[in-house]
C-alpha atoms as a PDB file:
ATOM      1  CA  MET A   1     170.017 -82.418  41.554  1.00  0.00           C
ATOM      2  CA  LYS A   2     170.102 -85.118  38.961  1.00  0.00           C
ATOM      3  CA  GLU A   3     173.497 -85.630  37.310  1.00  0.00           C
ATOM      4  CA  ARG A   4     173.072 -85.983  33.551  1.00  0.00           C
ATOM      5  CA  HIS A   5     176.498 -84.929  32.430  1.00  0.00           C
ATOM      6  CA  LEU A   6     179.574 -87.151  32.278  1.00  0.00           C
ATOM      7  CA  LYS A   7     182.123 -85.033  34.110  1.00  0.00           C
ATOM      8  CA  LYS A   8     182.420 -82.355  36.726  1.00  0.00           C
ATOM      9  CA  VAL A   9     182.475 -78.849  35.252  1.00  0.00           C
ATOM     10  CA  HIS A  10     185.515 -76.835  36.389  1.00  0.00           C
ATOM     11  CA  VAL A  11     185.337 -73.028  36.609  1.00  0.00           C
ATOM     12  CA  LEU A  12     188.340 -70.754  37.219  1.00  0.00           C
ATOM     13  CA  PHE A  13     188.049 -67.041  38.012  1.00  0.00           C
ATOM     14  CA  VAL A  14     191.173 -64.953  37.342  1.00  0.00           C
ATOM     15  CA  CYS A  15     192.263 -61.432  38.268  1.00  0.00           C
ATOM     16  CA  LEU A  16     195.577 -59.646  38.714  1.00  0.00           C
ATOM     17  CA  GLY A  17     196.448 -60.561  42.314  1.00  0.00           C
ATOM     18  CA  ASN A  18     193.891 -63.207  43.363  1.00  0.00           C
ATOM     19  CA  ILE A  19     193.041 -61.349  46.557  1.00  0.00           C
ATOM     20  CA  CYS A  20     190.012 -59.199  45.609  1.00  0.00           C
ATOM     21  CA  ARG A  21     187.896 -59.918  42.540  1.00  0.00           C
ATOM     22  CA  SER A  22     188.644 -63.526  41.624  1.00  0.00           C
ATOM     23  CA  PRO A  23     188.408 -64.893  45.187  1.00  0.00           C
ATOM     24  CA  MET A  24     185.182 -62.918  45.589  1.00  0.00           C
ATOM     25  CA  ALA A  25     183.840 -64.534  42.416  1.00  0.00           C
ATOM     26  CA  GLU A  26     185.072 -67.960  43.545  1.00  0.00           C
ATOM     27  CA  ALA A  27     183.348 -67.660  46.927  1.00  0.00           C
ATOM     28  CA  VAL A  28     180.131 -66.208  45.468  1.00  0.00           C
ATOM     29  CA  PHE A  29     179.945 -68.823  42.718  1.00  0.00           C
ATOM     30  CA  ARG A  30     180.711 -71.682  45.124  1.00  0.00           C
ATOM     31  CA  HIS A  31     177.959 -70.390  47.414  1.00  0.00           C
ATOM     32  CA  MET A  32     175.479 -70.297  44.509  1.00  0.00           C
ATOM     33  CA  VAL A  33     176.499 -73.795  43.404  1.00  0.00           C
ATOM     34  CA  GLU A  34     175.966 -75.103  46.948  1.00  0.00           C
ATOM     35  CA  GLU A  35     172.571 -73.373  47.223  1.00  0.00           C
ATOM     36  CA  GLU A  36     171.567 -75.190  44.008  1.00  0.00           C
ATOM     37  CA  GLY A  37     172.860 -78.514  45.374  1.00  0.00           C
ATOM     38  CA  ALA A  38     175.258 -78.766  42.427  1.00  0.00           C
ATOM     39  CA  GLU A  39     178.576 -79.021  44.298  1.00  0.00           C
ATOM     40  CA  GLY A  40     178.952 -82.583  43.035  1.00  0.00           C
ATOM     41  CA  CYS A  41     178.684 -81.282  39.472  1.00  0.00           C
ATOM     42  CA  ILE A  42     180.647 -78.011  39.499  1.00  0.00           C
ATOM     43  CA  ALA A  43     184.108 -77.266  40.941  1.00  0.00           C
ATOM     44  CA  VAL A  44     185.310 -73.686  41.465  1.00  0.00           C
ATOM     45  CA  ASP A  45     188.734 -72.097  41.935  1.00  0.00           C
ATOM     46  CA  SER A  46     190.495 -68.779  41.393  1.00  0.00           C
ATOM     47  CA  ALA A  47     193.968 -67.632  40.390  1.00  0.00           C
ATOM     48  CA  ALA A  48     196.105 -64.590  39.617  1.00  0.00           C
ATOM     49  CA  THR A  49     197.954 -63.520  36.525  1.00  0.00           C
ATOM     50  CA  SER A  50     200.718 -62.211  38.816  1.00  0.00           C
ATOM     51  CA  SER A  51     202.689 -63.899  41.594  1.00  0.00           C
ATOM     52  CA  TRP A  52     202.430 -60.987  44.048  1.00  0.00           C
ATOM     53  CA  HIS A  53     200.003 -62.592  46.508  1.00  0.00           C
ATOM     54  CA  VAL A  54     200.641 -66.323  46.175  1.00  0.00           C
ATOM     55  CA  GLY A  55     199.662 -67.938  49.473  1.00  0.00           C
ATOM     56  CA  ASP A  56     197.931 -64.815  50.804  1.00  0.00           C
ATOM     57  CA  PRO A  57     194.324 -64.883  52.029  1.00  0.00           C
ATOM     58  CA  PRO A  58     191.721 -62.740  50.271  1.00  0.00           C
ATOM     59  CA  HIS A  59     191.877 -58.970  50.884  1.00  0.00           C
ATOM     60  CA  LYS A  60     190.183 -57.831  54.103  1.00  0.00           C
ATOM     61  CA  GLY A  61     187.642 -55.839  52.050  1.00  0.00           C
ATOM     62  CA  THR A  62     186.675 -58.948  50.081  1.00  0.00           C
ATOM     63  CA  VAL A  63     186.422 -61.027  53.252  1.00  0.00           C
ATOM     64  CA  ALA A  64     184.268 -58.360  54.949  1.00  0.00           C
ATOM     65  CA  LYS A  65     181.907 -58.055  51.960  1.00  0.00           C
ATOM     66  CA  LEU A  66     181.539 -61.829  51.698  1.00  0.00           C
ATOM     67  CA  ARG A  67     180.968 -62.203  55.452  1.00  0.00           C
ATOM     68  CA  GLU A  68     178.394 -59.387  55.344  1.00  0.00           C
ATOM     69  CA  ASN A  69     176.471 -61.491  52.811  1.00  0.00           C
ATOM     70  CA  GLY A  70     176.843 -64.828  54.600  1.00  0.00           C
ATOM     71  CA  ILE A  71     179.446 -66.225  52.193  1.00  0.00           C
ATOM     72  CA  SER A  72     182.547 -68.044  53.399  1.00  0.00           C
ATOM     73  CA  SER A  73     186.089 -67.422  52.177  1.00  0.00           C
ATOM     74  CA  GLU A  74     187.571 -69.938  54.585  1.00  0.00           C
ATOM     75  CA  GLY A  75     190.652 -71.797  53.362  1.00  0.00           C
ATOM     76  CA  MET A  76     191.163 -69.599  50.299  1.00  0.00           C
ATOM     77  CA  ALA A  77     194.702 -68.551  49.373  1.00  0.00           C
ATOM     78  CA  GLY A  78     196.145 -66.777  46.361  1.00  0.00           C
ATOM     79  CA  ARG A  79     197.757 -68.798  43.603  1.00  0.00           C
ATOM     80  CA  GLN A  80     199.130 -68.018  40.169  1.00  0.00           C
ATOM     81  CA  LEU A  81     197.613 -69.202  36.904  1.00  0.00           C
ATOM     82  CA  ASN A  82     199.651 -71.977  35.276  1.00  0.00           C
ATOM     83  CA  LEU A  83     199.685 -73.865  31.974  1.00  0.00           C
ATOM     84  CA  SER A  84     197.915 -76.935  33.370  1.00  0.00           C
ATOM     85  CA  ASP A  85     194.887 -74.761  34.209  1.00  0.00           C
ATOM     86  CA  PHE A  86     193.959 -74.633  30.523  1.00  0.00           C
ATOM     87  CA  ASP A  87     193.514 -78.410  30.406  1.00  0.00           C
ATOM     88  CA  LYS A  88     191.828 -78.668  33.816  1.00  0.00           C
ATOM     89  CA  PHE A  89     189.223 -75.913  33.540  1.00  0.00           C
ATOM     90  CA  ASP A  90     186.190 -75.735  31.258  1.00  0.00           C
ATOM     91  CA  TYR A  91     185.754 -71.995  31.880  1.00  0.00           C
ATOM     92  CA  ILE A  92     188.577 -69.520  32.550  1.00  0.00           C
ATOM     93  CA  ILE A  93     186.976 -66.215  33.408  1.00  0.00           C
ATOM     94  CA  GLY A  94     188.889 -62.968  33.706  1.00  0.00           C
ATOM     95  CA  MET A  95     187.684 -59.887  35.493  1.00  0.00           C
ATOM     96  CA  ASP A  96     188.933 -57.314  32.974  1.00  0.00           C
ATOM     97  CA  ASP A  97     190.412 -56.928  29.486  1.00  0.00           C
ATOM     98  CA  SER A  98     193.953 -56.800  30.832  1.00  0.00           C
ATOM     99  CA  ASN A  99     193.407 -60.122  32.646  1.00  0.00           C
ATOM    100  CA  ILE A 100     192.037 -61.682  29.459  1.00  0.00           C
ATOM    101  CA  ARG A 101     195.034 -60.586  27.394  1.00  0.00           C
ATOM    102  CA  THR A 102     197.443 -61.923  30.022  1.00  0.00           C
ATOM    103  CA  ILE A 103     195.540 -65.216  30.412  1.00  0.00           C
ATOM    104  CA  ARG A 104     195.579 -65.780  26.655  1.00  0.00           C
ATOM    105  CA  ASP A 105     199.286 -64.930  26.446  1.00  0.00           C
ATOM    106  CA  LEU A 106     200.261 -67.093  29.442  1.00  0.00           C
ATOM    107  CA  LEU A 107     198.245 -70.068  28.227  1.00  0.00           C
ATOM    108  CA  GLY A 108     199.132 -69.621  24.554  1.00  0.00           C
ATOM    109  CA  GLN A 109     195.447 -69.511  23.611  1.00  0.00           C
ATOM    110  CA  PRO A 110     194.752 -66.246  21.772  1.00  0.00           C
ATOM    111  CA  ASP A 111     191.085 -66.886  20.928  1.00  0.00           C
ATOM    112  CA  HIS A 112     189.813 -69.938  22.821  1.00  0.00           C
ATOM    113  CA  PRO A 113     186.098 -69.598  23.690  1.00  0.00           C
ATOM    114  CA  LYS A 114     186.512 -70.986  27.217  1.00  0.00           C
ATOM    115  CA  ILE A 115     188.425 -67.786  28.112  1.00  0.00           C
ATOM    116  CA  PHE A 116     186.197 -64.727  28.548  1.00  0.00           C
ATOM    117  CA  ARG A 117     185.392 -61.760  30.799  1.00  0.00           C
ATOM    118  CA  LEU A 118     182.786 -62.326  33.496  1.00  0.00           C
ATOM    119  CA  LEU A 119     180.703 -59.320  32.516  1.00  0.00           C
ATOM    120  CA  ASP A 120     180.651 -60.337  28.852  1.00  0.00           C
ATOM    121  CA  LEU A 121     177.788 -62.561  29.999  1.00  0.00           C
ATOM    122  CA  THR A 122     175.784 -59.564  31.214  1.00  0.00           C
ATOM    123  CA  GLU A 123     174.265 -56.469  29.684  1.00  0.00           C
ATOM    124  CA  HIS A 124     177.143 -54.506  31.245  1.00  0.00           C
ATOM    125  CA  GLY A 125     179.777 -56.103  28.980  1.00  0.00           C
ATOM    126  CA  ARG A 126     182.588 -54.307  30.771  1.00  0.00           C
ATOM    127  CA  ASP A 127     185.389 -54.851  33.250  1.00  0.00           C
ATOM    128  CA  VAL A 128     184.808 -55.659  36.911  1.00  0.00           C
ATOM    129  CA  PRO A 129     186.569 -52.716  38.620  1.00  0.00           C
ATOM    130  CA  ASP A 130     189.385 -53.694  40.969  1.00  0.00           C
ATOM    131  CA  PRO A 131     188.404 -52.678  44.522  1.00  0.00           C
ATOM    132  CA  TYR A 132     192.065 -52.881  45.549  1.00  0.00           C
ATOM    133  CA  TYR A 133     192.365 -49.567  43.687  1.00  0.00           C
ATOM    134  CA  THR A 134     188.797 -48.198  43.791  1.00  0.00           C
ATOM    135  CA  GLY A 135     187.990 -49.195  47.387  1.00  0.00           C
ATOM    136  CA  ASP A 136     184.424 -49.987  46.253  1.00  0.00           C
ATOM    137  CA  PHE A 137     183.906 -53.609  47.280  1.00  0.00           C
ATOM    138  CA  GLN A 138     180.117 -53.174  47.085  1.00  0.00           C
ATOM    139  CA  GLU A 139     180.176 -52.336  43.369  1.00  0.00           C
ATOM    140  CA  THR A 140     182.489 -55.274  42.697  1.00  0.00           C
ATOM    141  CA  TYR A 141     180.259 -57.587  44.729  1.00  0.00           C
ATOM    142  CA  GLU A 142     177.107 -56.531  42.860  1.00  0.00           C
ATOM    143  CA  LEU A 143     178.760 -57.040  39.467  1.00  0.00           C
ATOM    144  CA  VAL A 144     180.180 -60.412  40.529  1.00  0.00           C
ATOM    145  CA  ILE A 145     176.767 -61.575  41.779  1.00  0.00           C
ATOM    146  CA  GLY A 146     175.134 -60.673  38.456  1.00  0.00           C
ATOM    147  CA  GLY A 147     177.824 -62.318  36.333  1.00  0.00           C
ATOM    148  CA  CYS A 148     177.966 -65.449  38.478  1.00  0.00           C
ATOM    149  CA  ARG A 149     174.183 -65.924  38.376  1.00  0.00           C
ATOM    150  CA  ILE A 150     174.180 -65.814  34.567  1.00  0.00           C
ATOM    151  CA  LEU A 151     177.227 -68.106  34.413  1.00  0.00           C
ATOM    152  CA  LEU A 152     175.591 -70.668  36.685  1.00  0.00           C
ATOM    153  CA  ASP A 153     172.409 -70.631  34.600  1.00  0.00           C
ATOM    154  CA  ARG A 154     174.494 -71.080  31.439  1.00  0.00           C
ATOM    155  CA  ILE A 155     176.423 -74.023  32.877  1.00  0.00           C
ATOM    156  CA  LYS A 156     173.262 -75.688  34.165  1.00  0.00           C
ATOM    157  CA  LYS A 157     171.712 -75.412  30.707  1.00  0.00           C
ATOM    158  CA  GLU A 158     174.839 -76.467  28.755  1.00  0.00           C
ATOM    159  CA  TYR A 159     175.538 -79.477  30.980  1.00  0.00           C
ATOM    160  CA  GLN A 160     171.929 -80.312  31.876  1.00  0.00           C
ATOM    161  CA  ILE A 161     172.565 -79.965  35.598  1.00  0.00           C
END
């Protein structure tokens, strides 16, 4: 991959606890970035709006779904969103409307365009259901894959990667 942009693009996925949806999106997106050979151009992380699971590994259902699809979650641990994330990340992507409201409140950015829902990029335009409550890690995985593919294409186009 030829680097035409001036800086590494930083992407942050955010959900409530940082054990199901956002680490799934982080792992899936990182995997896609690596498959494209763009890991030198795009950095990926995830965080929670809550502090409930800080330091915890991803949920066993997330780990199983990722492993089933040949995607690593090694070394991932929950962390909470903080004010410095707004300056560090070019994209701050929530999994549902509640996450978006909390992200905007926590960061003091009520309408910044770098903060949006993952599925706003897709024809679905809805929340990514939380498999912690639904138990449906397959549905979450499929929605995450679709959103991440569109996001990666958008970033590649915007930054000429």
